[in-house]
Amino acid sequence: MAEIDFGVVRVESGWTVVAPALHMRSFSTQEQAAVVARRFAGEVIGRPVMIHFQNEDGELRPAERVEGSASFSEMQLV
């Protein structure tokens, strides 16, 4: 199954989370953006997510793999 790629990257003076069809607001610290990216990645149904983190120098670190924990049967429809 194909992985989904997320990124935690520097945009101007803040950090943002980017993913397919998604661009989250700017966070003041990289750690805040990373927490949101990991939480969101954990909600992806049935697909692993690779999160790519940019360091302060603009280089990408090795990706972190996050397994989605939810399944269709676990989801509650509102």
Protein backbone atom coordinates (compact mmCIF):
# COMPACT_ATOMS: atom_id res chain seq x y z
CA MET A 1 0.00 0.00 0.00
CA ALA A 2 1.31 3.43 -0.92
CA GLU A 3 2.52 5.75 1.79
CA ILE A 4 1.28 9.28 2.26
CA ASP A 5 3.93 11.99 2.67
CA PHE A 6 3.61 14.88 5.11
CA GLY A 7 6.12 17.65 5.70
CA VAL A 8 6.93 19.94 8.62
CA VAL A 9 8.63 22.89 6.98
CA ARG A 10 9.73 26.45 7.69
CA VAL A 11 7.55 29.11 6.06
CA GLU A 12 8.68 32.67 6.71
CA SER A 13 8.88 33.04 10.50
CA GLY A 14 6.81 29.97 11.41
CA TRP A 15 6.44 26.24 10.82
CA THR A 16 3.66 24.58 8.84
CA VAL A 17 2.39 21.08 8.13
CA VAL A 18 1.88 20.21 4.47
CA ALA A 19 0.26 17.08 3.07
CA PRO A 20 -1.71 16.16 -0.06
CA ALA A 21 -4.58 18.65 -0.40
CA LEU A 22 -3.70 20.10 3.01
CA HIS A 23 -1.76 23.12 4.25
CA MET A 24 -2.17 23.82 7.95
CA ARG A 25 -1.71 27.20 9.55
CA SER A 26 1.63 28.39 10.76
CA PHE A 27 2.90 27.30 14.19
CA SER A 28 5.41 29.31 16.18
CA THR A 29 7.67 26.32 16.86
CA GLN A 30 8.67 23.23 14.94
CA GLU A 31 7.66 21.06 17.90
CA GLN A 32 4.07 22.40 17.81
CA ALA A 33 3.84 21.59 14.10
CA ALA A 34 5.38 18.13 14.67
CA VAL A 35 2.83 17.26 17.37
CA VAL A 36 -0.04 18.20 15.05
CA ALA A 37 1.49 16.29 12.11
CA ARG A 38 1.96 13.13 14.22
CA ARG A 39 -1.60 13.31 15.58
CA PHE A 40 -3.06 13.86 12.14
CA ALA A 41 -0.94 11.06 10.65
CA GLY A 42 -2.22 8.69 13.33
CA GLU A 43 -5.76 9.32 12.13
CA VAL A 44 -5.08 8.29 8.53
CA ILE A 45 -7.10 5.17 7.83
CA GLY A 46 -5.15 2.10 6.86
CA ARG A 47 -2.13 3.79 5.29
CA PRO A 48 1.31 4.52 6.65
CA VAL A 49 2.48 8.13 6.67
CA MET A 50 6.04 9.34 6.20
CA ILE A 51 6.67 12.69 7.91
CA HIS A 52 9.59 14.69 6.54
CA PHE A 53 11.03 17.27 8.95
CA GLN A 54 13.02 20.26 7.78
CA ASN A 55 15.76 21.37 10.15
CA GLU A 56 16.65 24.98 10.98
CA ASP A 57 19.21 25.00 8.13
CA GLY A 58 16.55 24.09 5.55
CA GLU A 59 17.71 20.50 5.05
CA LEU A 60 15.34 17.53 5.35
CA ARG A 61 16.08 14.96 8.05
CA PRO A 62 15.33 11.26 7.46
CA ALA A 63 11.58 10.69 7.37
CA GLU A 64 9.65 9.35 10.37
CA ARG A 65 7.11 6.60 9.66
CA VAL A 66 3.76 6.81 11.46
CA GLU A 67 1.21 4.02 11.16
CA GLY A 68 -2.41 5.11 10.97
CA SER A 69 -4.25 3.67 13.95
CA ALA A 70 -7.85 4.07 12.85
CA SER A 71 -9.83 1.73 10.64
CA PHE A 72 -13.20 2.17 8.98
CA SER A 73 -14.81 -0.10 11.59
CA GLU A 74 -13.40 2.06 14.43
CA MET A 75 -14.68 5.33 13.03
CA GLN A 76 -17.86 6.84 14.38
CA LEU A 77 -19.96 8.66 11.85
CA VAL A 78 -21.71 11.77 13.10
